[in-house]
Amino acid sequence: MNVTLRDYVQFVVGRYFYARRPADIPLTGQVQGTAVTFKEPGGGVFRLHLVSMDPTSRPPLTFYNSIRREGRGRNQRPMTSS
């Protein structure tokens, strides 16, 4: 998955591909706080949230200070993205 964000909060462009079928699949998306949602043209939805290295840290969690994204991918399969 490859995603471009503006100022770590505004979705600009995204895409991903399956290893067995290396054709780019475009994504649309949005970021709301620590929740990230991506949608593909075929109806698949990726619902992720930002994960901190230190869950007790005080600053707001953003793409800049998070260590990964976790959640549910297409077909509700668990996924992690770094």
N, C-alpha and C. Protein backbone atom coordinates (compact mmCIF):
# COMPACT_ATOMS: atom_id res chain seq x y z
N MET A 1 0.86 -1.16 0.00
CA MET A 1 0.00 0.00 0.00
C MET A 1 0.90 1.22 0.00
N ASN A 2 0.59 2.16 -0.87
CA ASN A 2 1.34 3.40 -0.98
C ASN A 2 0.34 4.55 -0.90
N VAL A 3 0.54 5.44 0.07
CA VAL A 3 -0.42 6.52 0.31
C VAL A 3 0.34 7.83 0.47
N THR A 4 -0.18 8.91 -0.11
CA THR A 4 0.38 10.24 0.06
C THR A 4 -0.61 11.09 0.84
N LEU A 5 -0.10 11.73 1.89
CA LEU A 5 -0.92 12.61 2.72
C LEU A 5 -0.32 14.01 2.72
N ARG A 6 -1.15 15.01 2.85
CA ARG A 6 -0.70 16.39 2.99
C ARG A 6 -0.78 16.75 4.47
N ASP A 7 0.33 17.23 5.01
CA ASP A 7 0.41 17.63 6.42
C ASP A 7 0.00 16.51 7.37
N TYR A 8 0.17 15.27 6.96
CA TYR A 8 -0.12 14.08 7.76
C TYR A 8 -1.59 13.89 8.09
N VAL A 9 -2.48 14.71 7.54
CA VAL A 9 -3.90 14.58 7.89
C VAL A 9 -4.84 14.56 6.70
N GLN A 10 -4.40 15.01 5.53
CA GLN A 10 -5.30 15.08 4.37
C GLN A 10 -4.87 14.07 3.31
N PHE A 11 -5.76 13.14 2.97
CA PHE A 11 -5.48 12.13 1.96
C PHE A 11 -5.34 12.81 0.59
N VAL A 12 -4.28 12.46 -0.15
CA VAL A 12 -4.06 13.01 -1.48
C VAL A 12 -4.27 11.92 -2.53
N VAL A 13 -3.54 10.83 -2.42
CA VAL A 13 -3.63 9.75 -3.41
C VAL A 13 -3.15 8.46 -2.76
N GLY A 14 -3.66 7.34 -3.23
CA GLY A 14 -3.22 6.05 -2.70
C GLY A 14 -3.43 4.94 -3.71
N ARG A 15 -2.70 3.84 -3.50
CA ARG A 15 -2.85 2.67 -4.35
C ARG A 15 -2.27 1.46 -3.63
N TYR A 16 -2.65 0.30 -4.09
CA TYR A 16 -2.06 -0.94 -3.59
C TYR A 16 -2.16 -1.97 -4.69
N PHE A 17 -1.57 -3.14 -4.46
CA PHE A 17 -1.67 -4.21 -5.43
C PHE A 17 -1.53 -5.54 -4.71
N TYR A 18 -2.04 -6.57 -5.34
CA TYR A 18 -1.88 -7.93 -4.83
C TYR A 18 -0.58 -8.49 -5.38
N ALA A 19 0.15 -9.25 -4.60
CA ALA A 19 1.42 -9.84 -5.05
C ALA A 19 1.20 -10.74 -6.27
N ARG A 20 0.10 -11.45 -6.30
CA ARG A 20 -0.14 -12.37 -7.41
C ARG A 20 -0.65 -11.66 -8.67
N ARG A 21 -1.06 -10.41 -8.53
CA ARG A 21 -1.56 -9.64 -9.67
C ARG A 21 -1.04 -8.21 -9.55
N PRO A 22 0.17 -7.96 -10.03
CA PRO A 22 0.83 -6.67 -9.78
C PRO A 22 0.30 -5.51 -10.63
N ALA A 23 -0.98 -5.26 -10.58
CA ALA A 23 -1.57 -4.09 -11.22
C ALA A 23 -2.02 -3.12 -10.13
N ASP A 24 -1.68 -1.85 -10.29
CA ASP A 24 -2.08 -0.86 -9.29
C ASP A 24 -3.60 -0.77 -9.18
N ILE A 25 -4.07 -0.75 -7.94
CA ILE A 25 -5.49 -0.56 -7.64
C ILE A 25 -5.60 0.78 -6.92
N PRO A 26 -6.27 1.77 -7.50
CA PRO A 26 -6.35 3.09 -6.88
C PRO A 26 -7.21 3.06 -5.61
N LEU A 27 -6.87 3.96 -4.69
CA LEU A 27 -7.62 4.10 -3.45
C LEU A 27 -8.08 5.54 -3.28
N THR A 28 -9.24 5.71 -2.68
CA THR A 28 -9.66 7.00 -2.16
C THR A 28 -9.60 6.85 -0.64
N GLY A 29 -9.56 7.94 0.08
CA GLY A 29 -9.46 7.78 1.52
C GLY A 29 -9.70 9.05 2.30
N GLN A 30 -9.72 8.86 3.60
CA GLN A 30 -9.86 9.99 4.52
C GLN A 30 -9.20 9.65 5.84
N VAL A 31 -8.77 10.69 6.53
CA VAL A 31 -8.16 10.57 7.85
C VAL A 31 -9.00 11.39 8.80
N GLN A 32 -9.44 10.76 9.90
CA GLN A 32 -10.20 11.46 10.94
C GLN A 32 -9.58 11.11 12.28
N GLY A 33 -8.75 12.01 12.78
CA GLY A 33 -8.04 11.73 14.03
C GLY A 33 -7.08 10.57 13.84
N THR A 34 -7.28 9.49 14.60
CA THR A 34 -6.41 8.32 14.47
C THR A 34 -7.03 7.25 13.60
N ALA A 35 -8.21 7.51 13.02
CA ALA A 35 -8.87 6.55 12.14
C ALA A 35 -8.56 6.88 10.68
N VAL A 36 -8.22 5.85 9.92
CA VAL A 36 -7.88 6.00 8.51
C VAL A 36 -8.75 5.02 7.73
N THR A 37 -9.43 5.50 6.70
CA THR A 37 -10.29 4.66 5.87
C THR A 37 -9.88 4.81 4.42
N PHE A 38 -9.66 3.68 3.74
CA PHE A 38 -9.35 3.67 2.32
C PHE A 38 -10.41 2.84 1.62
N LYS A 39 -10.79 3.26 0.41
CA LYS A 39 -11.77 2.52 -0.38
C LYS A 39 -11.21 2.27 -1.76
N GLU A 40 -11.49 1.07 -2.29
CA GLU A 40 -11.06 0.73 -3.65
C GLU A 40 -12.27 0.76 -4.57
N PRO A 41 -12.07 0.89 -5.89
CA PRO A 41 -13.19 0.95 -6.82
C PRO A 41 -14.11 -0.27 -6.78
N GLY A 42 -13.58 -1.44 -6.45
CA GLY A 42 -14.38 -2.66 -6.40
C GLY A 42 -15.24 -2.79 -5.16
N GLY A 43 -15.21 -1.80 -4.28
CA GLY A 43 -16.04 -1.84 -3.09
C GLY A 43 -15.31 -2.25 -1.82
N GLY A 44 -14.06 -2.69 -1.94
CA GLY A 44 -13.29 -3.06 -0.75
C GLY A 44 -12.99 -1.85 0.11
N VAL A 45 -13.00 -2.05 1.43
CA VAL A 45 -12.75 -0.97 2.38
C VAL A 45 -11.68 -1.41 3.36
N PHE A 46 -10.72 -0.53 3.62
CA PHE A 46 -9.68 -0.76 4.62
C PHE A 46 -9.93 0.21 5.76
N ARG A 47 -10.17 -0.29 6.96
CA ARG A 47 -10.38 0.56 8.13
C ARG A 47 -9.23 0.33 9.09
N LEU A 48 -8.40 1.36 9.25
CA LEU A 48 -7.20 1.24 10.06
C LEU A 48 -7.19 2.32 11.14
N HIS A 49 -6.33 2.13 12.13
CA HIS A 49 -6.11 3.16 13.13
C HIS A 49 -4.61 3.25 13.39
N LEU A 50 -4.16 4.43 13.79
CA LEU A 50 -2.75 4.66 14.07
C LEU A 50 -2.37 4.03 15.40
N VAL A 51 -1.15 3.49 15.47
CA VAL A 51 -0.67 2.83 16.68
C VAL A 51 0.60 3.54 17.15
N SER A 52 0.66 3.86 18.43
CA SER A 52 1.80 4.53 19.03
C SER A 52 2.79 3.53 19.60
N MET A 53 4.07 3.93 19.62
CA MET A 53 5.08 3.11 20.26
C MET A 53 4.83 3.10 21.78
N ASP A 54 4.35 4.24 22.29
CA ASP A 54 4.08 4.38 23.71
C ASP A 54 2.62 4.82 23.89
N PRO A 55 1.73 3.89 24.26
CA PRO A 55 0.31 4.24 24.36
C PRO A 55 -0.01 5.32 25.40
N THR A 56 0.93 5.63 26.29
CA THR A 56 0.69 6.67 27.29
C THR A 56 1.24 8.02 26.86
N SER A 57 1.78 8.13 25.65
CA SER A 57 2.37 9.40 25.22
C SER A 57 1.30 10.48 25.13
N ARG A 58 1.68 11.72 25.40
CA ARG A 58 0.74 12.83 25.49
C ARG A 58 0.42 13.52 24.16
N PRO A 59 1.37 13.68 23.23
CA PRO A 59 1.00 14.43 22.02
C PRO A 59 -0.05 13.70 21.20
N PRO A 60 -0.84 14.41 20.43
CA PRO A 60 -1.82 13.72 19.59
C PRO A 60 -1.11 12.76 18.63
N LEU A 61 -1.71 11.63 18.40
CA LEU A 61 -1.15 10.62 17.52
C LEU A 61 -1.42 11.00 16.07
N THR A 62 -0.35 11.01 15.25
CA THR A 62 -0.45 11.36 13.83
C THR A 62 0.35 10.36 13.02
N PHE A 63 0.30 10.47 11.69
CA PHE A 63 1.14 9.63 10.84
C PHE A 63 2.61 9.87 11.14
N TYR A 64 2.97 11.09 11.57
CA TYR A 64 4.36 11.44 11.84
C TYR A 64 4.92 10.71 13.05
N ASN A 65 4.16 10.57 14.11
CA ASN A 65 4.69 9.95 15.32
C ASN A 65 4.13 8.56 15.61
N SER A 66 3.36 7.99 14.69
CA SER A 66 2.87 6.62 14.89
C SER A 66 3.88 5.64 14.30
N ILE A 67 3.83 4.40 14.77
CA ILE A 67 4.78 3.41 14.27
C ILE A 67 4.18 2.47 13.25
N ARG A 68 2.85 2.40 13.19
CA ARG A 68 2.19 1.55 12.20
C ARG A 68 0.69 1.84 12.21
N ARG A 69 0.00 1.21 11.26
CA ARG A 69 -1.45 1.25 11.19
C ARG A 69 -1.95 -0.17 11.33
N GLU A 70 -3.02 -0.35 12.09
CA GLU A 70 -3.62 -1.67 12.27
C GLU A 70 -5.11 -1.56 12.03
N GLY A 71 -5.72 -2.67 11.67
CA GLY A 71 -7.16 -2.67 11.50
C GLY A 71 -7.63 -3.82 10.64
N ARG A 72 -8.68 -3.58 9.89
CA ARG A 72 -9.29 -4.59 9.03
C ARG A 72 -9.17 -4.16 7.58
N GLY A 73 -8.76 -5.09 6.77
CA GLY A 73 -8.62 -4.81 5.35
C GLY A 73 -9.80 -5.35 4.57
N ARG A 74 -9.58 -5.45 3.30
CA ARG A 74 -10.59 -5.98 2.39
C ARG A 74 -11.08 -7.32 2.91
N ASN A 75 -12.35 -7.59 2.85
CA ASN A 75 -12.97 -8.83 3.35
C ASN A 75 -12.80 -9.00 4.86
N GLN A 76 -12.58 -7.89 5.57
CA GLN A 76 -12.48 -7.87 7.03
C GLN A 76 -11.31 -8.68 7.59
N ARG A 77 -10.28 -8.90 6.80
CA ARG A 77 -9.09 -9.61 7.28
C ARG A 77 -8.23 -8.65 8.09
N PRO A 78 -7.68 -9.09 9.24
CA PRO A 78 -6.79 -8.22 10.01
C PRO A 78 -5.56 -7.85 9.18
N MET A 79 -5.09 -6.60 9.34
CA MET A 79 -3.90 -6.19 8.62
C MET A 79 -3.12 -5.18 9.42
N THR A 80 -1.81 -5.10 9.12
CA THR A 80 -0.91 -4.11 9.70
C THR A 80 -0.13 -3.47 8.57
N SER A 81 0.05 -2.17 8.66
CA SER A 81 0.78 -1.43 7.64
C SER A 81 1.79 -0.55 8.33
N SER A 82 3.02 -0.54 7.84
CA SER A 82 4.06 0.32 8.42
C SER A 82 4.29 1.53 7.58
